[in-house]
Structures are given as structure tokens and as C-alpha cells.
């Protein structure tokens, strides 16, 4: 039988293993699409001919204060490409850098250091405007706007509430809970109070709260209702490849431009498969997609779609920041099984605990072997089977499924969404 070496991204490096080619039924990758040449020029074109609203500069007046909501360290949007272009445009109409600031879309993630914030936006931007990192648990930092029909009490960060204009930015990927990332998510959960996020995410149990679905998904519909109470003036969303290169820019109305971005994402990321495999080998795509288990969950969802019930997914995720949530760890420490985690999460929904439910719900009909930097005891507590290397993980999987087991490779696991043809 012929053998071949296969390589996968892991953190800032790579892992490789040798496999029998006859076992491999498919390698899933994003569809080929040219990388954007001269991104700054394309960004300028996009904001001057936006989707669903007036050109960017026509929406602002001299002297106004503008808040830019920008991705945190867990999500790449190539903010350094579009922010200087947009700042320069605002400068030409009489809005100086002193009137522009950035607040990071942390959601329930930890606050960022200045060094982390500067790294995300680039040195030029960090020198030009003030950078802010909020704390979703400090209610005094948030302004109340009202209640949605889903019962969500809507609070957005004071800095956003007090600005004359909000520019929402980010990147778009399929999302396991909210259908797709990007768009309104810059606001909710991005710059929302913890209780606002908690109630919104508590709809995780609804059957329509799933990847690739927006309208009719209560998480999305609730987010739109909330964000309409404090509507962004403009949106810029980027679609990237696994190398963090920009493929396309979507700019304009925060709902309409985002919907167009989602259509493009489906064309690029959704991949047809003929059948599921006994074993899948799945990389999140390296840092920051595998920064922690919290972010690795999205890759696990795609692995689940590629793997037969009773099968095994080998997940390659460095997890340099551990689980990503102490609440997640505490939930697993206390409840230990998927059934008990679900029951506890339904009875008392908390952000972090919902990740315990999301991850363990995937584990009820298949096994996940995790190659990571986590301590083995922590990996086991989170119900993974730990492996010290990719080679060990492959050996374990074939011992359990047999040497003739079929294999699916997902080297871009956080980007490729398997769909039965």
C-alpha cells in the first residue's frame, strides 16, 4: 500500500504524520479563491460603494465621535488593513484621530492588555487612536437600552452608547450557535453586558440555533432586535482564508452587507462530502483558531459533521490559553458527563457552562482524541482522550477502528463545513 506524509497547522507551527493513501476517502479544503491584491485599494472601493447605504464619508459630519468595534485576539479580521484607510477617510471630512477610538469585541472573553490590543490593530493604529478593553461583568460600564421580545435585557458598553457613530467590524465564518459570525455579533456579544450575553446564548437549546442558519434562529433574531436599539452606522466585514489572507471585503449596512458576506462564505467554506468517515483528522488551522478549547469547539462541530456515529475525530489544537474558561472547567469538574452537564446548563444557564454543554453534546456518539498542550488530566476532565503526539493519536484511532478504517482529512477544520452531497 502507498504511504504519504500529511502536514497540519498547529499553533504557530505544524504537525505531520504518514498515512496509507488507500484509507483516505477525502481531503476537505476551502474552495480556491484568489487573494485580494492591494487590499487597501479594495477596501476604499468597498466603503465608497457600500451595500445598502450611502458611501462611508457621506454618513458622518465634522467633529463627531466615532467608535470602531474590533475583533479581539481570538479572531482574525486583518483590522490593520482597513482601519487606517477608514481613519484617513474620516480625517478628510473633519473628524480627527482624537475623535476616533477603538473598543474590542470581547464578549465574555477576558480583558486584553495594551500590548495585545496594539498587536491586533498594528503599530500605526495603536499610535493614532485610543484603545479600550471593557469588562462584561462590570455593570457600571454599560448602558441599558430596553428588552427584546425574547426577554433579553439589552446593555451596551457606555463608550459605544455615547459615541455619535458606531462602525462594526470583524470577519465572517460559519458559527455553531449564531449561524454565522460577523455582522451584529460585534455588538452582541461583542460589547454587551454579561447578562445580555447570557440570555442571548441561553437559546442554544433551540433546534434552529445552529451553524449556517440566521433567520428563524432565535440567537440571531434576538441579536438583531437588540442591536437595532443602538444601530451601527456602518459595517466592514472581511472574509479570509486559512492563511489569514483577505479574500473579499463587505461594507455597508450592518445587516445587508453581512448577509452578502454569508452567501460568499457558503460558496467558499461549505464542502460537499459523499459519506462520513470512521476517523477524521482535523486541524483548526493553527493560531488563533486553536488558542483554547473554547475556540476549538467550532472545529469540533465540523469534525462531527465529517465523522460517522461511533467514529473518532483526532483534533489538533495547541490550546496555549488552556480551556479558555474557568466556568467551563468548573462545570466539567462538577457534572462530569454530557447528560449531567446538559441538565445543569438548562437549569442554570451561564456563559462558559454553555461551552461545556456545546462541547460534550458532540461527544455522545463519537470519541475526540485531542493533541494539544493541555495537561492530560485537564483534557480527560473535559472528556477528551489526550494524545502526546499526532502519531500516537493516529495509532490509537486505528487500534480502535481497525487498520482498514476510512479517513477524512480536514486541514482547515475551522473553515471547512462538511455537508453530505
Protein backbone atom coordinates (compact mmCIF):
# COMPACT_ATOMS: atom_id res chain seq x y z
CA UNK A 1 0.00 0.00 0.00
CA UNK A 2 1.20 3.52 -0.81
CA UNK A 3 2.04 5.85 2.03
CA UNK A 4 2.13 9.64 2.12
CA UNK A 5 3.11 12.29 4.65
CA UNK A 6 0.42 14.81 5.58
CA UNK A 7 1.02 18.12 7.37
CA UNK A 8 -1.36 20.13 9.55
CA UNK A 9 -1.18 23.57 11.16
CA UNK A 10 -0.84 23.58 14.95
CA UNK A 11 -0.37 26.80 16.93
CA UNK A 12 2.36 28.73 15.11
CA UNK A 13 3.89 25.52 13.74
CA UNK A 14 2.91 22.28 12.06
CA UNK A 15 2.43 18.59 12.84
CA UNK A 16 2.80 15.77 10.34
CA UNK A 17 2.05 12.06 10.07
CA UNK A 18 2.33 9.30 7.48
CA UNK A 19 -0.89 7.59 6.36
CA UNK A 20 -1.88 4.84 3.94
CA UNK A 21 -3.41 6.69 0.99
CA UNK A 22 -5.94 3.89 0.41
CA UNK A 23 -7.58 4.71 3.76
CA UNK A 24 -8.22 8.33 2.83
CA UNK A 25 -11.62 8.92 1.26
CA UNK A 26 -11.43 12.72 1.02
CA UNK A 27 -9.41 15.79 1.98
CA UNK A 28 -11.67 18.76 2.67
CA UNK A 29 -10.41 22.23 1.83
CA UNK A 30 -11.83 25.64 1.15
CA UNK A 31 -12.65 26.29 -2.47
CA UNK A 32 -9.88 28.10 -4.32
CA UNK A 33 -10.40 31.84 -4.46
CA UNK A 34 -7.80 34.49 -5.33
CA UNK A 35 -6.29 36.51 -2.52
CA UNK A 36 -7.18 40.19 -2.67
CA UNK A 37 -4.44 42.19 -4.32
CA UNK A 38 -3.85 45.64 -2.87
CA UNK A 39 -6.38 45.20 -0.01
CA UNK A 40 -6.30 48.88 0.95
CA UNK A 41 -7.45 49.92 -2.54
CA UNK A 42 -10.23 47.32 -2.49
CA UNK A 43 -11.32 48.46 0.98
CA UNK A 44 -11.53 52.06 -0.22
CA UNK A 45 -13.64 50.93 -3.18
CA UNK A 46 -15.92 48.90 -0.90
CA UNK A 47 -16.62 51.70 1.56
CA UNK A 48 -17.24 54.19 -1.26
CA UNK A 49 -19.71 51.84 -2.99
CA UNK A 50 -21.26 50.09 0.02
CA UNK A 51 -24.11 47.59 0.23
CA UNK A 52 -27.44 49.03 1.35
CA UNK A 53 -26.42 52.52 2.46
CA UNK A 54 -24.74 55.79 1.46
CA UNK A 55 -20.98 55.95 0.85
CA UNK A 56 -18.93 55.90 4.06
CA UNK A 57 -17.93 59.57 4.16
CA UNK A 58 -21.49 60.75 3.49
CA UNK A 59 -22.68 59.26 6.80
CA UNK A 60 -20.54 61.44 9.08
CA UNK A 61 -20.09 65.13 9.92
CA UNK A 62 -17.05 67.10 11.03
CA UNK A 63 -16.33 66.96 14.75
CA UNK A 64 -18.35 63.82 15.52
CA UNK A 65 -17.01 60.99 17.73
CA UNK A 66 -16.73 57.57 16.12
CA UNK A 67 -16.41 54.20 17.87
CA UNK A 68 -14.86 51.30 15.98
CA UNK A 69 -15.62 47.82 17.32
CA UNK A 70 -12.73 45.49 16.51
CA UNK A 71 -12.09 41.74 16.94
CA UNK A 72 -10.13 40.58 19.97
CA UNK A 73 -7.18 38.15 19.94
CA UNK A 74 -9.36 35.07 19.40
CA UNK A 75 -10.49 36.11 15.91
CA UNK A 76 -8.54 37.42 12.94
CA UNK A 77 -10.05 40.13 10.73
CA UNK A 78 -6.91 41.83 9.38
CA UNK A 79 -8.03 45.00 11.13
CA UNK A 80 -4.66 46.61 10.37
CA UNK A 81 -5.62 46.61 6.67
CA UNK A 82 -8.90 48.52 6.81
CA UNK A 83 -8.64 50.73 9.91
CA UNK A 84 -6.02 53.20 8.55
CA UNK A 85 -7.99 53.54 5.30
CA UNK A 86 -11.19 54.39 7.18
CA UNK A 87 -9.46 56.72 9.63
CA UNK A 88 -7.93 58.64 6.73
CA UNK A 89 -11.34 59.00 5.10
CA UNK A 90 -12.80 60.39 8.32
CA UNK A 91 -9.87 62.80 8.65
CA UNK A 92 -10.70 64.29 5.22
CA UNK A 93 -14.17 65.33 6.39
CA UNK A 94 -13.04 66.92 9.64
CA UNK A 95 -13.05 64.02 12.09
CA UNK A 96 -9.53 63.93 13.57
CA UNK A 97 -7.91 60.88 15.14
CA UNK A 98 -8.64 62.34 18.61
CA UNK A 99 -12.36 61.84 17.88
CA UNK A 100 -11.92 58.19 16.88
CA UNK A 101 -11.44 55.29 19.28
CA UNK A 102 -11.44 51.50 19.25
CA UNK A 103 -13.24 49.19 21.65
CA UNK A 104 -12.56 45.48 21.34
CA UNK A 105 -15.39 42.98 20.88
CA UNK A 106 -14.57 40.85 23.90
CA UNK A 107 -17.99 39.43 24.63
CA UNK A 108 -17.40 37.28 27.72
CA UNK A 109 -13.69 36.81 26.95
CA UNK A 110 -11.03 38.15 29.31
CA UNK A 111 -9.90 41.78 29.05
CA UNK A 112 -6.90 42.45 26.81
CA UNK A 113 -3.58 44.04 27.71
CA UNK A 114 -2.46 47.12 25.79
CA UNK A 115 0.21 45.02 24.08
CA UNK A 116 -2.42 42.55 22.88
CA UNK A 117 -4.68 45.33 21.64
CA UNK A 118 -1.81 47.02 19.79
CA UNK A 119 -0.82 43.71 18.22
CA UNK A 120 -4.32 43.19 16.84
CA UNK A 121 -4.57 46.59 15.11
CA UNK A 122 -0.94 47.27 14.22
CA UNK A 123 1.51 49.90 15.40
CA UNK A 124 0.18 52.71 13.21
CA UNK A 125 -3.38 52.41 14.51
CA UNK A 126 -2.22 51.99 18.11
CA UNK A 127 -0.31 55.28 17.82
CA UNK A 128 -3.20 57.14 16.22
CA UNK A 129 -6.25 56.37 18.37
CA UNK A 130 -7.17 55.28 21.89
CA UNK A 131 -7.74 51.56 22.50
CA UNK A 132 -10.25 50.27 25.05
CA UNK A 133 -10.90 46.85 26.58
CA UNK A 134 -14.11 46.50 28.60
CA UNK A 135 -15.20 44.08 31.31
CA UNK A 136 -18.57 42.43 30.68
CA UNK A 137 -19.04 41.71 34.39
CA UNK A 138 -18.82 45.37 35.48
CA UNK A 139 -22.38 46.62 35.07
CA UNK A 140 -21.32 50.24 35.63
CA UNK A 141 -19.58 50.15 32.22
CA UNK A 142 -22.87 49.55 30.38
CA UNK A 143 -25.98 51.50 29.33
CA UNK A 144 -29.48 49.99 29.31
CA UNK A 145 -31.47 50.20 26.06
CA UNK A 146 -34.55 48.03 26.57
CA UNK A 147 -35.82 44.46 26.36
CA UNK A 148 -36.17 42.27 23.26
CA UNK A 149 -39.20 40.11 22.54
CA UNK A 150 -37.02 37.16 23.61
CA UNK A 151 -36.70 38.65 27.09
CA UNK A 152 -33.09 39.84 26.75
CA UNK A 153 -32.28 42.96 28.76
CA UNK A 154 -30.08 44.95 26.38
CA UNK A 155 -26.98 46.68 27.73
CA UNK A 156 -24.16 48.01 25.53
CA UNK A 157 -20.86 49.48 26.64
CA UNK A 158 -21.01 53.16 27.63
CA UNK A 159 -18.34 54.15 25.14
CA UNK A 160 -20.40 52.73 22.29
CA UNK A 161 -23.66 54.17 23.63
CA UNK A 162 -22.19 57.67 23.93
CA UNK A 163 -20.48 57.81 20.53
CA UNK A 164 -22.09 59.71 17.66
CA UNK A 165 -21.44 56.77 15.35
CA UNK A 166 -20.57 53.09 15.63
CA UNK A 167 -18.58 51.25 12.99
CA UNK A 168 -18.87 47.48 13.44
CA UNK A 169 -16.01 45.41 12.04
CA UNK A 170 -14.90 41.79 12.03
CA UNK A 171 -14.67 38.64 9.97
CA UNK A 172 -17.31 36.15 8.86
CA UNK A 173 -17.24 32.41 9.44
CA UNK A 174 -19.99 29.84 9.97
CA UNK A 175 -20.88 29.79 13.69
CA UNK A 176 -22.13 26.75 15.60
CA UNK A 177 -24.73 28.73 17.59
CA UNK A 178 -25.50 32.03 15.82
CA UNK A 179 -25.44 30.75 12.23
CA UNK A 180 -22.55 32.96 11.13
CA UNK A 181 -20.06 35.23 12.83
CA UNK A 182 -19.59 38.86 11.92
CA UNK A 183 -22.29 41.49 11.43
CA UNK A 184 -24.33 42.18 14.55
CA UNK A 185 -22.04 39.99 16.70
CA UNK A 186 -19.63 42.92 17.01
CA UNK A 187 -22.30 44.44 19.28
CA UNK A 188 -23.87 41.32 20.83
CA UNK A 189 -21.95 39.62 22.32
CA UNK A 190 -19.01 41.89 21.39
CA UNK A 191 -19.64 44.95 23.58
CA UNK A 192 -22.54 43.69 25.70
CA UNK A 193 -23.04 43.23 29.45
CA UNK A 194 -22.74 39.68 30.75
CA UNK A 195 -26.46 39.25 31.46
CA UNK A 196 -27.30 40.35 27.91
CA UNK A 197 -24.90 37.76 26.52
CA UNK A 198 -26.11 35.10 28.94
CA UNK A 199 -29.76 35.42 27.99
CA UNK A 200 -28.98 35.54 24.27
CA UNK A 201 -26.75 32.46 24.41
CA UNK A 202 -29.24 30.57 26.60
CA UNK A 203 -31.21 29.87 23.41
CA UNK A 204 -28.51 27.34 22.47
CA UNK A 205 -31.03 24.55 23.12
CA UNK A 206 -33.40 25.69 20.36
CA UNK A 207 -33.20 23.38 17.29
CA UNK A 208 -32.69 26.39 14.98
CA UNK A 209 -29.69 27.66 16.95
CA UNK A 210 -27.20 26.06 14.63
CA UNK A 211 -24.46 26.56 12.09
CA UNK A 212 -25.42 28.16 8.77
CA UNK A 213 -28.87 29.39 9.90
CA UNK A 214 -29.80 33.03 10.51
CA UNK A 215 -33.48 33.88 10.08
CA UNK A 216 -35.54 31.73 12.41
CA UNK A 217 -32.50 31.20 14.62
CA UNK A 218 -33.54 32.81 17.93
CA UNK A 219 -29.94 33.69 18.82
CA UNK A 220 -29.59 35.70 15.59
CA UNK A 221 -33.08 37.20 15.71
CA UNK A 222 -32.57 38.30 19.32
CA UNK A 223 -29.21 39.85 18.43
CA UNK A 224 -30.76 41.84 15.59
CA UNK A 225 -33.57 43.12 17.84
CA UNK A 226 -31.03 44.21 20.43
CA UNK A 227 -28.62 45.87 18.03
CA UNK A 228 -31.44 47.80 16.35
CA UNK A 229 -31.75 49.66 19.68
CA UNK A 230 -28.23 51.06 19.19
CA UNK A 231 -27.74 50.72 15.45
CA UNK A 232 -24.24 50.84 13.95
CA UNK A 233 -23.78 53.45 11.24
CA UNK A 234 -21.55 51.22 9.12
CA UNK A 235 -20.10 47.73 8.82
CA UNK A 236 -16.89 46.32 7.42
CA UNK A 237 -16.58 42.53 7.39
CA UNK A 238 -13.67 40.58 5.95
CA UNK A 239 -13.64 37.01 4.63
CA UNK A 240 -10.23 35.36 4.98
CA UNK A 241 -8.56 32.12 4.04
CA UNK A 242 -6.74 29.77 6.43
CA UNK A 243 -3.51 31.70 5.88
CA UNK A 244 -5.23 34.83 7.25
CA UNK A 245 -5.17 36.45 3.81
CA UNK A 246 -8.11 38.62 2.73
CA UNK A 247 -10.36 37.18 0.04
CA UNK A 248 -13.14 39.75 -0.05
CA UNK A 249 -14.41 42.88 1.71
CA UNK A 250 -18.07 43.53 2.52
CA UNK A 251 -19.04 47.04 3.59
CA UNK A 252 -22.26 48.98 4.21
CA UNK A 253 -25.44 48.43 6.18
CA UNK A 254 -24.66 46.13 9.11
CA UNK A 255 -27.45 43.67 8.19
CA UNK A 256 -27.46 43.78 4.38
CA UNK A 257 -23.69 43.72 3.90
CA UNK A 258 -23.38 40.88 6.38
CA UNK A 259 -25.98 38.78 4.58
CA UNK A 260 -24.00 39.16 1.35
CA UNK A 261 -20.85 38.10 3.19
CA UNK A 262 -22.63 34.98 4.47
CA UNK A 263 -23.59 34.00 0.91
CA UNK A 264 -19.95 34.28 -0.13
CA UNK A 265 -18.83 32.26 2.90
CA UNK A 266 -21.16 29.44 1.87
CA UNK A 267 -19.60 29.41 -1.59
CA UNK A 268 -16.07 29.23 -0.20
CA UNK A 269 -16.29 27.26 3.06
CA UNK A 270 -19.09 24.71 2.62
CA UNK A 271 -17.67 21.47 1.19
CA UNK A 272 -19.68 18.55 -0.16
CA UNK A 273 -18.87 15.03 1.02
CA UNK A 274 -20.13 11.72 -0.34
CA UNK A 275 -20.03 9.93 3.01
CA UNK A 276 -18.71 10.29 6.55
CA UNK A 277 -15.51 8.59 7.70
CA UNK A 278 -14.58 6.24 10.53
CA UNK A 279 -11.74 8.56 11.50
CA UNK A 280 -11.29 12.26 10.86
CA UNK A 281 -8.02 14.12 11.38
CA UNK A 282 -8.83 17.76 11.92
CA UNK A 283 -6.71 20.87 12.44
CA UNK A 284 -8.36 24.12 13.49
CA UNK A 285 -5.90 25.89 11.19
CA UNK A 286 -3.37 26.99 13.79
CA UNK A 287 -3.27 30.09 15.98
CA UNK A 288 -5.56 31.83 16.92
CA UNK A 289 -8.19 29.30 15.83
CA UNK A 290 -6.69 26.83 18.33
CA UNK A 291 -5.86 29.35 21.07
CA UNK A 292 -8.07 27.44 23.55
CA UNK A 293 -10.73 24.74 23.73
CA UNK A 294 -13.39 27.46 23.77
CA UNK A 295 -12.42 28.41 20.20
CA UNK A 296 -11.68 24.81 19.21
CA UNK A 297 -15.36 23.99 19.64
CA UNK A 298 -16.18 25.36 16.18
CA UNK A 299 -13.67 22.95 14.64
CA UNK A 300 -15.19 20.09 16.62
CA UNK A 301 -18.60 20.84 15.13
CA UNK A 302 -17.18 20.48 11.63
CA UNK A 303 -15.35 17.29 12.64
CA UNK A 304 -18.64 15.86 13.90
CA UNK A 305 -20.24 16.51 10.50
CA UNK A 306 -17.44 14.56 8.79
CA UNK A 307 -17.32 11.55 11.11
CA UNK A 308 -19.62 8.53 11.40
CA UNK A 309 -21.52 7.86 14.64
CA UNK A 310 -19.23 5.70 16.73
CA UNK A 311 -16.22 7.15 14.91
CA UNK A 312 -13.19 9.04 16.14
CA UNK A 313 -12.10 12.61 15.46
CA UNK A 314 -8.46 13.49 16.07
CA UNK A 315 -8.40 17.20 16.90
CA UNK A 316 -5.15 19.15 16.55
CA UNK A 317 -5.32 22.28 18.70
CA UNK A 318 -2.46 23.78 20.68
CA UNK A 319 -4.73 25.48 23.28
CA UNK A 320 -1.97 27.73 24.61
CA UNK A 321 -4.58 29.54 26.72
CA UNK A 322 -5.97 26.31 28.16
CA UNK A 323 -9.70 25.70 28.16
CA UNK A 324 -10.48 29.39 27.70
CA UNK A 325 -12.99 29.48 30.56
CA UNK A 326 -12.75 28.69 34.26
CA UNK A 327 -16.55 28.36 34.31
CA UNK A 328 -16.28 25.69 31.62
CA UNK A 329 -13.69 23.81 33.68
CA UNK A 330 -15.70 24.14 36.91
CA UNK A 331 -18.82 22.83 35.17
CA UNK A 332 -16.95 19.75 33.93
CA UNK A 333 -15.36 19.22 37.35
CA UNK A 334 -18.79 19.18 38.98
CA UNK A 335 -21.01 17.36 36.48
CA UNK A 336 -18.58 15.07 34.60
CA UNK A 337 -20.94 13.57 31.96
CA UNK A 338 -22.72 15.05 28.90
CA UNK A 339 -26.14 14.19 30.34
CA UNK A 340 -25.48 15.86 33.68
CA UNK A 341 -23.86 18.88 32.02
CA UNK A 342 -26.91 19.41 29.80
CA UNK A 343 -29.31 19.11 32.73
CA UNK A 344 -27.33 21.58 34.84
CA UNK A 345 -26.94 24.04 31.95
CA UNK A 346 -30.66 24.00 31.20
CA UNK A 347 -31.47 24.63 34.87
CA UNK A 348 -28.94 27.46 35.37
CA UNK A 349 -27.53 28.81 32.14
CA UNK A 350 -24.14 30.55 32.42
CA UNK A 351 -21.69 31.65 29.73
CA UNK A 352 -18.80 29.21 29.94
CA UNK A 353 -21.08 26.45 31.18
CA UNK A 354 -22.77 26.66 27.78
CA UNK A 355 -19.42 25.76 26.23
CA UNK A 356 -19.32 22.65 28.40
CA UNK A 357 -22.72 21.71 27.00
CA UNK A 358 -21.74 22.57 23.42
CA UNK A 359 -18.56 20.50 23.51
CA UNK A 360 -19.90 17.49 25.40
CA UNK A 361 -23.06 17.28 23.29
CA UNK A 362 -20.75 16.38 20.38
CA UNK A 363 -19.23 13.57 22.42
CA UNK A 364 -22.34 11.48 22.97
CA UNK A 365 -21.97 9.47 19.75
CA UNK A 366 -18.24 9.63 18.96
CA UNK A 367 -14.80 9.99 20.54
CA UNK A 368 -12.49 13.00 20.34
CA UNK A 369 -8.74 12.42 20.66
CA UNK A 370 -7.04 15.74 21.42
CA UNK A 371 -3.45 16.59 20.53
CA UNK A 372 -2.71 19.77 22.49
CA UNK A 373 -0.53 21.42 25.11
CA UNK A 374 -3.16 20.79 27.80
CA UNK A 375 -2.21 18.70 30.79
CA UNK A 376 -3.61 15.20 30.16
CA UNK A 377 -5.69 15.34 33.36
CA UNK A 378 -7.39 18.54 32.19
CA UNK A 379 -8.06 17.05 28.75
CA UNK A 380 -9.66 14.00 30.40
CA UNK A 381 -11.72 16.23 32.70
CA UNK A 382 -13.07 17.90 29.56
CA UNK A 383 -13.87 14.36 28.25
CA UNK A 384 -11.20 14.27 25.55
CA UNK A 385 -8.85 11.35 25.08
CA UNK A 386 -5.43 13.02 25.31
CA UNK A 387 -2.57 12.08 22.98
CA UNK A 388 1.00 13.31 23.30
CA UNK A 389 1.54 13.47 19.53
CA UNK A 390 -0.26 13.16 16.22
CA UNK A 391 1.46 9.82 15.62
CA UNK A 392 0.17 8.47 18.95
CA UNK A 393 -3.34 9.75 18.17
CA UNK A 394 -3.37 8.05 14.76
CA UNK A 395 -2.13 4.79 16.28
CA UNK A 396 -4.83 4.91 18.96
CA UNK A 397 -7.58 5.60 16.41
CA UNK A 398 -6.59 2.73 14.09
CA UNK A 399 -6.28 0.32 17.01
CA UNK A 400 -9.91 1.08 17.90
CA UNK A 401 -11.41 1.28 14.40
CA UNK A 402 -9.25 -1.25 12.57
CA UNK A 403 -6.47 -0.89 10.01
CA UNK A 404 -8.97 -0.61 7.14
CA UNK A 405 -10.82 2.33 8.72
CA UNK A 406 -11.76 5.15 6.34
CA UNK A 407 -10.15 8.53 6.98
CA UNK A 408 -11.27 12.10 6.26
CA UNK A 409 -8.70 14.92 6.46
CA UNK A 410 -9.72 18.46 7.43
CA UNK A 411 -6.53 20.55 7.45
CA UNK A 412 -8.66 23.74 7.59
CA UNK A 413 -11.14 22.46 10.16
CA UNK A 414 -12.43 25.80 11.41
CA UNK A 415 -13.08 26.99 7.86
CA UNK A 416 -14.48 23.91 6.07
CA UNK A 417 -18.09 22.97 6.78
CA UNK A 418 -18.80 19.39 5.60
CA UNK A 419 -22.20 18.76 4.00
CA UNK A 420 -23.49 15.44 2.69
CA UNK A 421 -23.89 15.90 -1.06
